[in-house]
Amino acid sequence: MSTTEILIIAAVVVVAIVVIAFLGRRRRTEQLRHRFGPEYARAVEESGGAAKAEHALAEREKRVRKYPLKSLSSEERQRFAGAWEQAQARFVDSPADATAAADDLLGQVMSARGYPQAPFDQRLEDLSVEHAGAVQGYRAAHEVVVRRTRGEATTEDMRQAIINYRRMFEELVGDPGVGRAPAAAAPVTEPVAAQPETGPVADATSEPVADRTEPLPVEAGNGSGPKAERIRFGP
């Protein structure tokens, strides 16, 4: 084999290696984008580049795979569901207490699922591996709790925080799957103020009215005066 032929073969091999590496990295990028959703873009922005972000996200995956994650038992689900109902009900008289209780409850659920005690930023990173669709809302809700301690959060802020906490809560408690990595989920429907009935009142001879599946409206107040507008906590 001549020197020229050897050089041609070597060049072909090098090109093939470069192409395979490029395609492999591109595939990995698409996998991470699908797994982490909006968290991928956030990691790129915070890291200053895709390569660093992808390395950091891969490290999250490795770390979380080492955790002894488990499903909740039916008894644990019932207990946490009851605790959530109590926390949400407190919103009527004290939105601040309700959001603080919801924030604390999420930490308890994480511990029960097998996540370690850690600073909040790491908790977000850990949750993003399996629950990327709800992490941004969880982050926003926690920021409301922090702002509330400084007197900067409004009742509307805390109402939205409860909605975001509920979404994260439902993923951790309502979904028994472990090791599942969903794509970014659709956002929770924005709660709307209850509207007064404008149609005719049905009498005994009217056709039965279809059951409503939406939750009953809840009155929000600040605990020190008249009740505020009636609101619903999501769909």
Protein backbone atom coordinates (compact mmCIF):
# COMPACT_ATOMS: atom_id res chain seq x y z
CA MET A 1 0.00 0.00 0.00
CA SER A 2 1.40 3.33 -1.02
CA THR A 3 1.90 6.31 1.25
CA THR A 4 -0.83 8.20 -0.60
CA GLU A 5 -3.34 5.42 -0.01
CA ILE A 6 -2.44 5.30 3.68
CA LEU A 7 -2.95 9.05 4.01
CA ILE A 8 -6.33 8.86 2.25
CA ILE A 9 -7.49 6.05 4.54
CA ALA A 10 -6.29 7.97 7.60
CA ALA A 11 -8.13 11.10 6.46
CA VAL A 12 -11.34 9.10 5.93
CA VAL A 13 -11.03 7.59 9.40
CA VAL A 14 -10.50 11.00 10.98
CA VAL A 15 -13.51 12.46 9.18
CA ALA A 16 -15.63 9.47 10.23
CA ILE A 17 -14.59 9.93 13.87
CA VAL A 18 -15.42 13.64 13.75
CA VAL A 19 -18.85 12.96 12.19
CA ILE A 20 -19.67 10.24 14.72
CA ALA A 21 -18.63 12.50 17.61
CA PHE A 22 -20.71 15.37 16.21
CA LEU A 23 -23.79 13.21 15.77
CA GLY A 24 -23.33 11.69 19.22
CA ARG A 25 -23.13 15.09 20.85
CA ARG A 26 -26.11 16.36 18.88
CA ARG A 27 -28.14 13.35 19.97
CA ARG A 28 -27.11 13.92 23.58
CA THR A 29 -28.09 17.58 23.32
CA GLU A 30 -31.55 16.65 22.04
CA GLN A 31 -31.97 14.11 24.85
CA LEU A 32 -31.08 16.69 27.49
CA ARG A 33 -33.37 19.31 25.94
CA HIS A 34 -36.24 16.84 25.95
CA ARG A 35 -35.57 15.67 29.50
CA PHE A 36 -35.03 19.05 31.13
CA GLY A 37 -37.25 21.30 29.00
CA PRO A 38 -36.95 24.97 30.07
CA GLU A 39 -34.31 23.98 32.63
CA TYR A 40 -31.93 23.24 29.75
CA ALA A 41 -32.11 26.83 28.51
CA ARG A 42 -31.72 28.11 32.06
CA ALA A 43 -28.62 25.95 32.58
CA VAL A 44 -27.10 27.23 29.33
CA GLU A 45 -27.70 30.82 30.39
CA GLU A 46 -26.26 30.31 33.87
CA SER A 47 -23.27 28.29 32.64
CA GLY A 48 -22.42 30.58 29.76
CA GLY A 49 -22.48 27.88 27.10
CA ALA A 50 -24.09 24.63 25.98
CA ALA A 51 -21.06 22.43 26.68
CA LYS A 52 -20.78 23.49 30.33
CA ALA A 53 -24.55 23.29 30.79
CA GLU A 54 -24.76 19.79 29.36
CA HIS A 55 -21.93 18.64 31.58
CA ALA A 56 -23.72 20.08 34.64
CA LEU A 57 -27.04 18.47 33.65
CA ALA A 58 -25.34 15.12 33.10
CA GLU A 59 -23.84 15.41 36.58
CA ARG A 60 -27.32 16.01 37.98
CA GLU A 61 -28.52 12.81 36.37
CA LYS A 62 -25.62 10.81 37.80
CA ARG A 63 -26.20 12.24 41.28
CA VAL A 64 -29.93 11.55 41.30
CA ARG A 65 -29.44 7.98 40.04
CA LYS A 66 -27.58 7.29 43.29
CA TYR A 67 -30.51 8.37 45.46
CA PRO A 68 -32.71 5.63 46.97
CA LEU A 69 -35.87 7.07 45.39
CA LYS A 70 -39.06 5.20 46.07
CA SER A 71 -42.79 5.44 45.58
CA LEU A 72 -44.98 6.56 48.44
CA SER A 73 -47.20 4.02 50.11
CA SER A 74 -50.96 4.51 49.92
CA GLU A 75 -50.93 5.52 53.59
CA GLU A 76 -48.28 8.16 52.94
CA ARG A 77 -50.22 9.52 49.98
CA GLN A 78 -53.36 9.82 52.05
CA ARG A 79 -51.48 11.51 54.87
CA PHE A 80 -49.80 14.02 52.59
CA ALA A 81 -53.05 14.65 50.69
CA GLY A 82 -54.76 15.51 53.97
CA ALA A 83 -51.90 17.81 54.95
CA TRP A 84 -52.14 19.56 51.60
CA GLU A 85 -55.89 20.14 51.98
CA GLN A 86 -55.26 21.71 55.38
CA ALA A 87 -52.51 23.95 54.01
CA GLN A 88 -54.62 25.12 51.08
CA ALA A 89 -57.65 25.73 53.31
CA ARG A 90 -55.57 28.13 55.41
CA PHE A 91 -55.37 30.45 52.40
CA VAL A 92 -58.86 31.74 53.23
CA ASP A 93 -57.70 33.46 56.42
CA SER A 94 -53.93 33.64 55.99
CA PRO A 95 -52.38 33.39 52.51
CA ALA A 96 -48.91 33.85 54.03
CA ASP A 97 -49.31 30.90 56.39
CA ALA A 98 -50.76 28.77 53.60
CA THR A 99 -47.83 29.34 51.25
CA ALA A 100 -45.30 28.75 54.03
CA ALA A 101 -47.06 25.50 54.96
CA ALA A 102 -47.10 24.37 51.33
CA ASP A 103 -43.38 25.10 51.00
CA ASP A 104 -42.60 23.08 54.12
CA LEU A 105 -44.86 20.23 53.00
CA LEU A 106 -43.01 19.88 49.70
CA GLY A 107 -39.78 19.39 51.65
CA GLN A 108 -41.42 16.63 53.70
CA VAL A 109 -42.67 14.86 50.59
CA MET A 110 -39.23 14.99 49.00
CA SER A 111 -37.68 13.39 52.09
CA ALA A 112 -40.32 10.66 52.07
CA ARG A 113 -39.57 9.96 48.41
CA GLY A 114 -35.86 9.51 49.18
CA TYR A 115 -34.36 12.87 48.22
CA PRO A 116 -31.65 14.02 50.65
CA GLN A 117 -31.81 17.13 52.80
CA ALA A 118 -30.05 19.84 50.81
CA PRO A 119 -30.07 23.60 50.12
CA PHE A 120 -33.01 24.72 48.03
CA ASP A 121 -30.96 25.23 44.85
CA GLN A 122 -29.80 21.60 44.94
CA ARG A 123 -33.34 20.42 45.66
CA LEU A 124 -34.43 22.18 42.47
CA GLU A 125 -31.62 20.56 40.51
CA ASP A 126 -32.50 17.12 41.87
CA LEU A 127 -36.18 17.53 41.07
CA SER A 128 -35.43 18.78 37.56
CA VAL A 129 -34.13 15.33 36.59
CA GLU A 130 -37.50 13.63 37.08
CA HIS A 131 -39.94 16.56 37.23
CA ALA A 132 -38.60 19.20 34.86
CA GLY A 133 -42.06 20.42 33.90
CA ALA A 134 -42.91 21.57 37.43
CA VAL A 135 -39.57 22.87 38.66
CA GLN A 136 -39.86 26.40 37.30
CA GLY A 137 -43.18 26.88 39.07
CA TYR A 138 -41.72 25.46 42.28
CA ARG A 139 -38.83 27.92 42.06
CA ALA A 140 -41.22 30.83 41.50
CA ALA A 141 -43.40 29.73 44.43
CA HIS A 142 -40.43 29.54 46.78
CA GLU A 143 -39.33 33.02 45.70
CA VAL A 144 -42.78 34.30 46.70
CA VAL A 145 -42.31 32.82 50.18
CA VAL A 146 -38.95 34.57 50.47
CA ARG A 147 -40.46 37.87 49.29
CA ARG A 148 -43.33 37.43 51.73
CA THR A 149 -40.89 37.48 54.64
CA ARG A 150 -39.85 40.94 53.44
CA GLY A 151 -43.45 42.06 53.05
CA GLU A 152 -43.15 42.27 49.25
CA ALA A 153 -45.59 39.54 48.15
CA THR A 154 -49.22 40.32 47.37
CA THR A 155 -52.21 38.03 47.89
CA GLU A 156 -52.25 37.42 44.14
CA ASP A 157 -48.58 36.40 44.27
CA MET A 158 -49.33 33.91 47.02
CA ARG A 159 -52.38 32.56 45.17
CA GLN A 160 -50.17 31.80 42.18
CA ALA A 161 -47.58 30.27 44.50
CA ILE A 162 -50.18 27.85 45.88
CA ILE A 163 -51.02 26.80 42.31
CA ASN A 164 -47.36 26.16 41.53
CA TYR A 165 -46.82 24.28 44.79
CA ARG A 166 -49.84 22.12 44.03
CA ARG A 167 -48.46 21.12 40.65
CA MET A 168 -45.16 20.01 42.18
CA PHE A 169 -47.02 18.30 45.01
CA GLU A 170 -49.23 16.35 42.61
CA GLU A 171 -46.21 15.15 40.65
CA LEU A 172 -44.42 13.91 43.77
CA VAL A 173 -47.42 12.41 45.56
CA GLY A 174 -49.87 11.57 42.80
CA ASP A 175 -47.42 9.94 40.43
CA PRO A 176 -46.04 6.67 41.87
CA GLY A 177 -43.52 6.21 39.06
CA VAL A 178 -39.85 6.38 39.94
CA GLY A 179 -37.16 6.97 37.35
CA ARG A 180 -39.52 8.53 34.83
CA ALA A 181 -38.33 11.65 33.04
CA PRO A 182 -41.32 13.47 31.53
CA ALA A 183 -40.93 16.25 29.02
CA ALA A 184 -41.94 19.72 30.11
CA ALA A 185 -45.63 19.57 30.88
CA ALA A 186 -48.29 22.06 29.91
CA PRO A 187 -48.75 24.92 32.38
CA VAL A 188 -51.48 24.81 34.99
CA THR A 189 -54.60 26.62 33.87
CA GLU A 190 -54.79 30.12 35.30
CA PRO A 191 -57.42 30.36 38.07
CA VAL A 192 -60.26 32.71 37.35
CA ALA A 193 -62.64 34.59 39.57
CA ALA A 194 -65.98 32.91 40.14
CA GLN A 195 -68.66 34.32 37.87
CA PRO A 196 -72.25 34.89 39.07
CA GLU A 197 -74.96 32.78 37.53
CA THR A 198 -76.72 34.65 34.73
CA GLY A 199 -78.95 31.97 33.28
CA PRO A 200 -82.48 30.98 34.41
CA VAL A 201 -82.86 29.05 37.65
CA ALA A 202 -83.79 25.44 37.04
CA ASP A 203 -87.04 24.23 38.58
CA ALA A 204 -88.13 20.74 39.54
CA THR A 205 -89.17 19.96 35.96
CA SER A 206 -85.95 21.08 34.35
CA GLU A 207 -83.44 18.68 32.86
CA PRO A 208 -80.72 17.55 35.33
CA VAL A 209 -77.71 19.78 35.34
CA ALA A 210 -74.44 18.05 34.45
CA ASP A 211 -72.04 17.56 37.34
CA ARG A 212 -69.25 20.11 37.48
CA THR A 213 -65.76 18.74 37.82
CA GLU A 214 -64.08 22.01 38.71
CA PRO A 215 -63.31 22.72 42.40
CA LEU A 216 -65.45 24.95 44.51
CA PRO A 217 -64.35 28.60 44.68
CA VAL A 218 -62.38 29.65 47.73
CA GLU A 219 -62.45 33.07 49.30
CA ALA A 220 -59.03 34.64 49.81
CA GLY A 221 -58.37 37.11 52.57
CA ASN A 222 -55.56 38.46 54.64
CA GLY A 223 -56.98 37.47 58.00
CA SER A 224 -57.56 41.03 59.17
CA GLY A 225 -60.48 42.36 57.19
CA PRO A 226 -63.27 41.51 54.78
CA LYS A 227 -62.76 38.61 52.44
CA ALA A 228 -61.10 39.33 49.12
CA GLU A 229 -62.26 38.17 45.69
CA ARG A 230 -63.42 34.58 45.30
CA ILE A 231 -60.87 32.49 43.47
CA ARG A 232 -60.34 28.97 42.28
CA PHE A 233 -57.08 27.11 42.73
CA GLY A 234 -56.68 25.85 39.17
CA PRO A 235 -58.68 23.55 36.94
